[in-house]
Amino acid sequence: MSVAATPKRPPAARGRRLTAIELPPDLVKRARLYAARHDTTLRVLVEEGLHWRLGQRPRKEDGTMAPRSRRREGPS
C-alpha cells in the first residue's frame, strides 16, 4: 500500500508571504554556503537576520517565541 504525498500548502496558507528580493550574486553564494555549513536554509537565515535587525525574537513553528539568545552582537 503506497501513501500519497500530501501537497505543500502555499505560503499564504501557512501564515506567510512569498517575497522576492534582489541580492548581489556573491552575497547569495556566501549565504547559501553559510546556511549549508550550519544545517539551515537561506530562508531561515534571512528570517533570523531580519528578526535580529528589527529587535524581535523569532517564533517557532508552533507559534511560541524562540528562546532569547545570549549573544547580542549579531551575525559575523
PDB file of N, CA and C in Angstrom:
ATOM      1  N   MET A   1       0.843  -1.172   0.000  1.00  0.00           N
ATOM      2  CA  MET A   1       0.000   0.000   0.000  1.00  0.00           C
ATOM      3  C   MET A   1       0.888   1.235   0.000  1.00  0.00           C
ATOM      4  N   SER A   2       0.691   2.116  -0.959  1.00  0.00           N
ATOM      5  CA  SER A   2       1.504   3.322  -1.016  1.00  0.00           C
ATOM      6  C   SER A   2       0.757   4.494  -0.391  1.00  0.00           C
ATOM      7  N   VAL A   3       1.516   5.389   0.159  1.00  0.00           N
ATOM      8  CA  VAL A   3       0.940   6.574   0.796  1.00  0.00           C
ATOM      9  C   VAL A   3       1.089   7.733  -0.173  1.00  0.00           C
ATOM     10  N   ALA A   4      -0.010   8.395  -0.468  1.00  0.00           N
ATOM     11  CA  ALA A   4       0.025   9.542  -1.379  1.00  0.00           C
ATOM     12  C   ALA A   4       0.695  10.720  -0.678  1.00  0.00           C
ATOM     13  N   ALA A   5       1.539  11.404  -1.413  1.00  0.00           N
ATOM     14  CA  ALA A   5       2.210  12.577  -0.856  1.00  0.00           C
ATOM     15  C   ALA A   5       1.192  13.699  -0.677  1.00  0.00           C
ATOM     16  N   THR A   6       1.266  14.355   0.462  1.00  0.00           N
ATOM     17  CA  THR A   6       0.364  15.479   0.677  1.00  0.00           C
ATOM     18  C   THR A   6       0.946  16.705  -0.010  1.00  0.00           C
ATOM     19  N   PRO A   7       0.129  17.451  -0.737  1.00  0.00           N
ATOM     20  CA  PRO A   7       0.643  18.618  -1.441  1.00  0.00           C
ATOM     21  C   PRO A   7       1.084  19.701  -0.459  1.00  0.00           C
ATOM     22  N   LYS A   8       2.109  20.432  -0.836  1.00  0.00           N
ATOM     23  CA  LYS A   8       2.565  21.537   0.005  1.00  0.00           C
ATOM     24  C   LYS A   8       1.555  22.662  -0.052  1.00  0.00           C
ATOM     25  N   ARG A   9       1.291  23.249   1.094  1.00  0.00           N
ATOM     26  CA  ARG A   9       0.381  24.388   1.131  1.00  0.00           C
ATOM     27  C   ARG A   9       1.146  25.632   0.701  1.00  0.00           C
ATOM     28  N   PRO A  10       0.498  26.546   0.003  1.00  0.00           N
ATOM     29  CA  PRO A  10       1.175  27.776  -0.398  1.00  0.00           C
ATOM     30  C   PRO A  10       1.539  28.614   0.824  1.00  0.00           C
ATOM     31  N   PRO A  11       2.539  29.498   0.704  1.00  0.00           N
ATOM     32  CA  PRO A  11       2.977  30.302   1.856  1.00  0.00           C
ATOM     33  C   PRO A  11       1.836  31.026   2.565  1.00  0.00           C
ATOM     34  N   ALA A  12       0.902  31.600   1.821  1.00  0.00           N
ATOM     35  CA  ALA A  12      -0.196  32.338   2.447  1.00  0.00           C
ATOM     36  C   ALA A  12      -1.046  31.429   3.330  1.00  0.00           C
ATOM     37  N   ALA A  13      -1.185  30.183   2.956  1.00  0.00           N
ATOM     38  CA  ALA A  13      -1.969  29.234   3.749  1.00  0.00           C
ATOM     39  C   ALA A  13      -1.253  28.867   5.040  1.00  0.00           C
ATOM     40  N   ARG A  14       0.046  29.087   5.094  1.00  0.00           N
ATOM     41  CA  ARG A  14       0.820  28.808   6.306  1.00  0.00           C
ATOM     42  C   ARG A  14       1.024  30.067   7.135  1.00  0.00           C
ATOM     43  N   GLY A  15       0.346  31.163   6.774  1.00  0.00           N
ATOM     44  CA  GLY A  15       0.501  32.416   7.512  1.00  0.00           C
ATOM     45  C   GLY A  15       1.782  33.144   7.142  1.00  0.00           C
ATOM     46  N   ARG A  16       2.257  32.949   5.934  1.00  0.00           N
ATOM     47  CA  ARG A  16       3.493  33.576   5.462  1.00  0.00           C
ATOM     48  C   ARG A  16       3.236  34.271   4.145  1.00  0.00           C
ATOM     49  N   ARG A  17       4.172  35.098   3.731  1.00  0.00           N
ATOM     50  CA  ARG A  17       4.115  35.767   2.441  1.00  0.00           C
ATOM     51  C   ARG A  17       5.340  35.404   1.643  1.00  0.00           C
ATOM     52  N   LEU A  18       5.147  35.220   0.369  1.00  0.00           N
ATOM     53  CA  LEU A  18       6.247  34.949  -0.537  1.00  0.00           C
ATOM     54  C   LEU A  18       6.772  36.293  -1.038  1.00  0.00           C
ATOM     55  N   THR A  19       8.058  36.557  -0.831  1.00  0.00           N
ATOM     56  CA  THR A  19       8.664  37.828  -1.196  1.00  0.00           C
ATOM     57  C   THR A  19       9.935  37.583  -1.981  1.00  0.00           C
ATOM     58  N   ALA A  20      10.081  38.309  -3.070  1.00  0.00           N
ATOM     59  CA  ALA A  20      11.306  38.220  -3.870  1.00  0.00           C
ATOM     60  C   ALA A  20      12.180  39.426  -3.555  1.00  0.00           C
ATOM     61  N   ILE A  21      13.459  39.174  -3.362  1.00  0.00           N
ATOM     62  CA  ILE A  21      14.404  40.273  -3.125  1.00  0.00           C
ATOM     63  C   ILE A  21      15.584  40.113  -4.078  1.00  0.00           C
ATOM     64  N   GLU A  22      16.153  41.224  -4.467  1.00  0.00           N
ATOM     65  CA  GLU A  22      17.298  41.216  -5.364  1.00  0.00           C
ATOM     66  C   GLU A  22      18.563  41.407  -4.532  1.00  0.00           C
ATOM     67  N   LEU A  23      19.479  40.460  -4.653  1.00  0.00           N
ATOM     68  CA  LEU A  23      20.727  40.494  -3.886  1.00  0.00           C
ATOM     69  C   LEU A  23      21.906  40.280  -4.829  1.00  0.00           C
ATOM     70  N   PRO A  24      23.081  40.793  -4.458  1.00  0.00           N
ATOM     71  CA  PRO A  24      24.273  40.547  -5.268  1.00  0.00           C
ATOM     72  C   PRO A  24      24.598  39.043  -5.288  1.00  0.00           C
ATOM     73  N   PRO A  25      24.992  38.517  -6.447  1.00  0.00           N
ATOM     74  CA  PRO A  25      25.273  37.078  -6.564  1.00  0.00           C
ATOM     75  C   PRO A  25      26.301  36.567  -5.554  1.00  0.00           C
ATOM     76  N   ASP A  26      27.338  37.347  -5.265  1.00  0.00           N
ATOM     77  CA  ASP A  26      28.353  36.879  -4.320  1.00  0.00           C
ATOM     78  C   ASP A  26      27.791  36.768  -2.903  1.00  0.00           C
ATOM     79  N   LEU A  27      26.865  37.656  -2.539  1.00  0.00           N
ATOM     80  CA  LEU A  27      26.238  37.589  -1.215  1.00  0.00           C
ATOM     81  C   LEU A  27      25.347  36.349  -1.107  1.00  0.00           C
ATOM     82  N   VAL A  28      24.604  36.061  -2.166  1.00  0.00           N
ATOM     83  CA  VAL A  28      23.750  34.866  -2.174  1.00  0.00           C
ATOM     84  C   VAL A  28      24.606  33.610  -2.062  1.00  0.00           C
ATOM     85  N   LYS A  29      25.706  33.573  -2.794  1.00  0.00           N
ATOM     86  CA  LYS A  29      26.591  32.411  -2.745  1.00  0.00           C
ATOM     87  C   LYS A  29      27.143  32.204  -1.334  1.00  0.00           C
ATOM     88  N   ARG A  30      27.632  33.292  -0.721  1.00  0.00           N
ATOM     89  CA  ARG A  30      28.162  33.197   0.646  1.00  0.00           C
ATOM     90  C   ARG A  30      27.082  32.779   1.639  1.00  0.00           C
ATOM     91  N   ALA A  31      25.880  33.315   1.470  1.00  0.00           N
ATOM     92  CA  ALA A  31      24.773  32.973   2.379  1.00  0.00           C
ATOM     93  C   ALA A  31      24.370  31.511   2.232  1.00  0.00           C
ATOM     94  N   ARG A  32      24.319  31.015   0.997  1.00  0.00           N
ATOM     95  CA  ARG A  32      23.970  29.602   0.787  1.00  0.00           C
ATOM     96  C   ARG A  32      25.026  28.682   1.389  1.00  0.00           C
ATOM     97  N   LEU A  33      26.294  29.044   1.234  1.00  0.00           N
ATOM     98  CA  LEU A  33      27.369  28.238   1.831  1.00  0.00           C
ATOM     99  C   LEU A  33      27.267  28.246   3.356  1.00  0.00           C
ATOM    100  N   TYR A  34      27.032  29.427   3.923  1.00  0.00           N
ATOM    101  CA  TYR A  34      26.879  29.547   5.371  1.00  0.00           C
ATOM    102  C   TYR A  34      25.712  28.683   5.851  1.00  0.00           C
ATOM    103  N   ALA A  35      24.578  28.790   5.151  1.00  0.00           N
ATOM    104  CA  ALA A  35      23.393  28.019   5.537  1.00  0.00           C
ATOM    105  C   ALA A  35      23.678  26.520   5.472  1.00  0.00           C
ATOM    106  N   ALA A  36      24.338  26.075   4.417  1.00  0.00           N
ATOM    107  CA  ALA A  36      24.650  24.650   4.281  1.00  0.00           C
ATOM    108  C   ALA A  36      25.572  24.181   5.398  1.00  0.00           C
ATOM    109  N   ARG A  37      26.564  24.980   5.730  1.00  0.00           N
ATOM    110  CA  ARG A  37      27.505  24.608   6.799  1.00  0.00           C
ATOM    111  C   ARG A  37      26.845  24.576   8.166  1.00  0.00           C
ATOM    112  N   HIS A  38      25.783  25.343   8.335  1.00  0.00           N
ATOM    113  CA  HIS A  38      25.111  25.428   9.628  1.00  0.00           C
ATOM    114  C   HIS A  38      23.773  24.688   9.633  1.00  0.00           C
ATOM    115  N   ASP A  39      23.606  23.783   8.663  1.00  0.00           N
ATOM    116  CA  ASP A  39      22.432  22.910   8.594  1.00  0.00           C
ATOM    117  C   ASP A  39      21.120  23.693   8.684  1.00  0.00           C
ATOM    118  N   THR A  40      20.997  24.728   7.842  1.00  0.00           N
ATOM    119  CA  THR A  40      19.783  25.532   7.799  1.00  0.00           C
ATOM    120  C   THR A  40      19.500  25.888   6.343  1.00  0.00           C
ATOM    121  N   THR A  41      18.553  26.758   6.123  1.00  0.00           N
ATOM    122  CA  THR A  41      18.213  27.171   4.762  1.00  0.00           C
ATOM    123  C   THR A  41      18.431  28.670   4.603  1.00  0.00           C
ATOM    124  N   LEU A  42      18.483  29.105   3.372  1.00  0.00           N
ATOM    125  CA  LEU A  42      18.624  30.536   3.094  1.00  0.00           C
ATOM    126  C   LEU A  42      17.411  31.289   3.641  1.00  0.00           C
ATOM    127  N   ARG A  43      16.222  30.705   3.510  1.00  0.00           N
ATOM    128  CA  ARG A  43      15.017  31.356   4.030  1.00  0.00           C
ATOM    129  C   ARG A  43      15.112  31.589   5.535  1.00  0.00           C
ATOM    130  N   VAL A  44      15.533  30.555   6.264  1.00  0.00           N
ATOM    131  CA  VAL A  44      15.664  30.675   7.718  1.00  0.00           C
ATOM    132  C   VAL A  44      16.744  31.689   8.075  1.00  0.00           C
ATOM    133  N   LEU A  45      17.843  31.676   7.352  1.00  0.00           N
ATOM    134  CA  LEU A  45      18.933  32.622   7.598  1.00  0.00           C
ATOM    135  C   LEU A  45      18.454  34.066   7.419  1.00  0.00           C
ATOM    136  N   VAL A  46      17.723  34.333   6.343  1.00  0.00           N
ATOM    137  CA  VAL A  46      17.196  35.684   6.093  1.00  0.00           C
ATOM    138  C   VAL A  46      16.179  36.061   7.168  1.00  0.00           C
ATOM    139  N   GLU A  47      15.295  35.131   7.516  1.00  0.00           N
ATOM    140  CA  GLU A  47      14.284  35.415   8.542  1.00  0.00           C
ATOM    141  C   GLU A  47      14.936  35.737   9.883  1.00  0.00           C
ATOM    142  N   GLU A  48      15.929  34.942  10.279  1.00  0.00           N
ATOM    143  CA  GLU A  48      16.627  35.210  11.548  1.00  0.00           C
ATOM    144  C   GLU A  48      17.343  36.555  11.510  1.00  0.00           C
ATOM    145  N   GLY A  49      17.953  36.873  10.373  1.00  0.00           N
ATOM    146  CA  GLY A  49      18.634  38.156  10.239  1.00  0.00           C
ATOM    147  C   GLY A  49      17.674  39.330  10.353  1.00  0.00           C
ATOM    148  N   LEU A  50      16.501  39.206   9.767  1.00  0.00           N
ATOM    149  CA  LEU A  50      15.500  40.275   9.879  1.00  0.00           C
ATOM    150  C   LEU A  50      15.004  40.405  11.308  1.00  0.00           C
ATOM    151  N   HIS A  51      14.750  39.279  11.973  1.00  0.00           N
ATOM    152  CA  HIS A  51      14.331  39.333  13.380  1.00  0.00           C
ATOM    153  C   HIS A  51      15.419  40.005  14.224  1.00  0.00           C
ATOM    154  N   TRP A  52      16.669  39.640  13.987  1.00  0.00           N
ATOM    155  CA  TRP A  52      17.778  40.221  14.754  1.00  0.00           C
ATOM    156  C   TRP A  52      17.856  41.724  14.509  1.00  0.00           C
ATOM    157  N   ARG A  53      17.781  42.136  13.252  1.00  0.00           N
ATOM    158  CA  ARG A  53      17.917  43.545  12.901  1.00  0.00           C
ATOM    159  C   ARG A  53      16.757  44.375  13.431  1.00  0.00           C
ATOM    160  N   LEU A  54      15.567  43.790  13.452  1.00  0.00           N
ATOM    161  CA  LEU A  54      14.383  44.504  13.921  1.00  0.00           C
ATOM    162  C   LEU A  54      14.183  44.386  15.433  1.00  0.00           C
ATOM    163  N   GLY A  55      15.047  43.624  16.099  1.00  0.00           N
ATOM    164  CA  GLY A  55      14.993  43.517  17.553  1.00  0.00           C
ATOM    165  C   GLY A  55      13.858  42.662  18.063  1.00  0.00           C
ATOM    166  N   GLN A  56      13.471  41.654  17.298  1.00  0.00           N
ATOM    167  CA  GLN A  56      12.394  40.762  17.720  1.00  0.00           C
ATOM    168  C   GLN A  56      12.920  39.343  17.783  1.00  0.00           C
ATOM    169  N   ARG A  57      12.386  38.594  18.730  1.00  0.00           N
ATOM    170  CA  ARG A  57      12.732  37.176  18.783  1.00  0.00           C
ATOM    171  C   ARG A  57      11.915  36.435  17.740  1.00  0.00           C
ATOM    172  N   PRO A  58      12.530  35.498  17.024  1.00  0.00           N
ATOM    173  CA  PRO A  58      11.758  34.710  16.055  1.00  0.00           C
ATOM    174  C   PRO A  58      10.785  33.769  16.747  1.00  0.00           C
ATOM    175  N   ARG A  59       9.727  33.430  16.036  1.00  0.00           N
ATOM    176  CA  ARG A  59       8.740  32.477  16.554  1.00  0.00           C
ATOM    177  C   ARG A  59       9.076  31.085  16.050  1.00  0.00           C
ATOM    178  N   LYS A  60       8.819  30.090  16.903  1.00  0.00           N
ATOM    179  CA  LYS A  60       8.995  28.702  16.495  1.00  0.00           C
ATOM    180  C   LYS A  60       7.794  28.304  15.649  1.00  0.00           C
ATOM    181  N   GLU A  61       7.888  27.133  15.015  1.00  0.00           N
ATOM    182  CA  GLU A  61       6.817  26.654  14.138  1.00  0.00           C
ATOM    183  C   GLU A  61       5.472  26.561  14.859  1.00  0.00           C
ATOM    184  N   ASP A  62       5.482  26.294  16.167  1.00  0.00           N
ATOM    185  CA  ASP A  62       4.214  26.150  16.889  1.00  0.00           C
ATOM    186  C   ASP A  62       3.650  27.503  17.335  1.00  0.00           C
ATOM    187  N   GLY A  63       4.321  28.608  16.948  1.00  0.00           N
ATOM    188  CA  GLY A  63       3.825  29.943  17.264  1.00  0.00           C
ATOM    189  C   GLY A  63       4.362  30.531  18.548  1.00  0.00           C
ATOM    190  N   THR A  64       5.094  29.745  19.344  1.00  0.00           N
ATOM    191  CA  THR A  64       5.665  30.272  20.579  1.00  0.00           C
ATOM    192  C   THR A  64       6.978  30.979  20.276  1.00  0.00           C
ATOM    193  N   MET A  65       7.380  31.840  21.161  1.00  0.00           N
ATOM    194  CA  MET A  65       8.615  32.594  20.952  1.00  0.00           C
ATOM    195  C   MET A  65       9.828  31.692  21.174  1.00  0.00           C
ATOM    196  N   ALA A  66      10.823  31.864  20.330  1.00  0.00           N
ATOM    197  CA  ALA A  66      12.071  31.130  20.479  1.00  0.00           C
ATOM    198  C   ALA A  66      12.807  31.665  21.702  1.00  0.00           C
ATOM    199  N   PRO A  67      13.656  30.852  22.319  1.00  0.00           N
ATOM    200  CA  PRO A  67      14.395  31.341  23.489  1.00  0.00           C
ATOM    201  C   PRO A  67      15.320  32.478  23.102  1.00  0.00           C
ATOM    202  N   ARG A  68      15.530  33.388  24.044  1.00  0.00           N
ATOM    203  CA  ARG A  68      16.440  34.510  23.787  1.00  0.00           C
ATOM    204  C   ARG A  68      17.871  33.996  23.681  1.00  0.00           C
ATOM    205  N   SER A  69      18.583  34.548  22.743  1.00  0.00           N
ATOM    206  CA  SER A  69      19.990  34.197  22.583  1.00  0.00           C
ATOM    207  C   SER A  69      20.809  35.047  23.542  1.00  0.00           C
ATOM    208  N   ARG A  70      21.847  34.471  24.094  1.00  0.00           N
ATOM    209  CA  ARG A  70      22.736  35.239  24.967  1.00  0.00           C
ATOM    210  C   ARG A  70      23.671  36.126  24.158  1.00  0.00           C
ATOM    211  N   ARG A  71      23.818  35.797  22.894  1.00  0.00           N
ATOM    212  CA  ARG A  71      24.692  36.560  22.026  1.00  0.00           C
ATOM    213  C   ARG A  71      23.974  37.802  21.539  1.00  0.00           C
ATOM    214  N   ARG A  72      24.554  38.967  21.707  1.00  0.00           N
ATOM    215  CA  ARG A  72      23.874  40.213  21.359  1.00  0.00           C
ATOM    216  C   ARG A  72      24.530  40.975  20.216  1.00  0.00           C
ATOM    217  N   GLU A  73      25.702  40.551  19.763  1.00  0.00           N
ATOM    218  CA  GLU A  73      26.423  41.356  18.777  1.00  0.00           C
ATOM    219  C   GLU A  73      26.000  41.118  17.333  1.00  0.00           C
ATOM    220  N   GLY A  74      25.211  40.099  17.053  1.00  0.00           N
ATOM    221  CA  GLY A  74      24.709  39.864  15.701  1.00  0.00           C
ATOM    222  C   GLY A  74      25.599  38.964  14.889  1.00  0.00           C
ATOM    223  N   PRO A  75      25.187  38.698  13.639  1.00  0.00           N
ATOM    224  CA  PRO A  75      25.931  37.768  12.777  1.00  0.00           C
ATOM    225  C   PRO A  75      27.289  38.301  12.375  1.00  0.00           C
ATOM    226  N   SER A  76      28.221  37.382  12.146  1.00  0.00           N
ATOM    227  CA  SER A  76      29.570  37.778  11.731  1.00  0.00           C
ATOM    228  C   SER A  76      29.677  37.738  10.231  1.00  0.00           C
TER     229      SER A  76
END
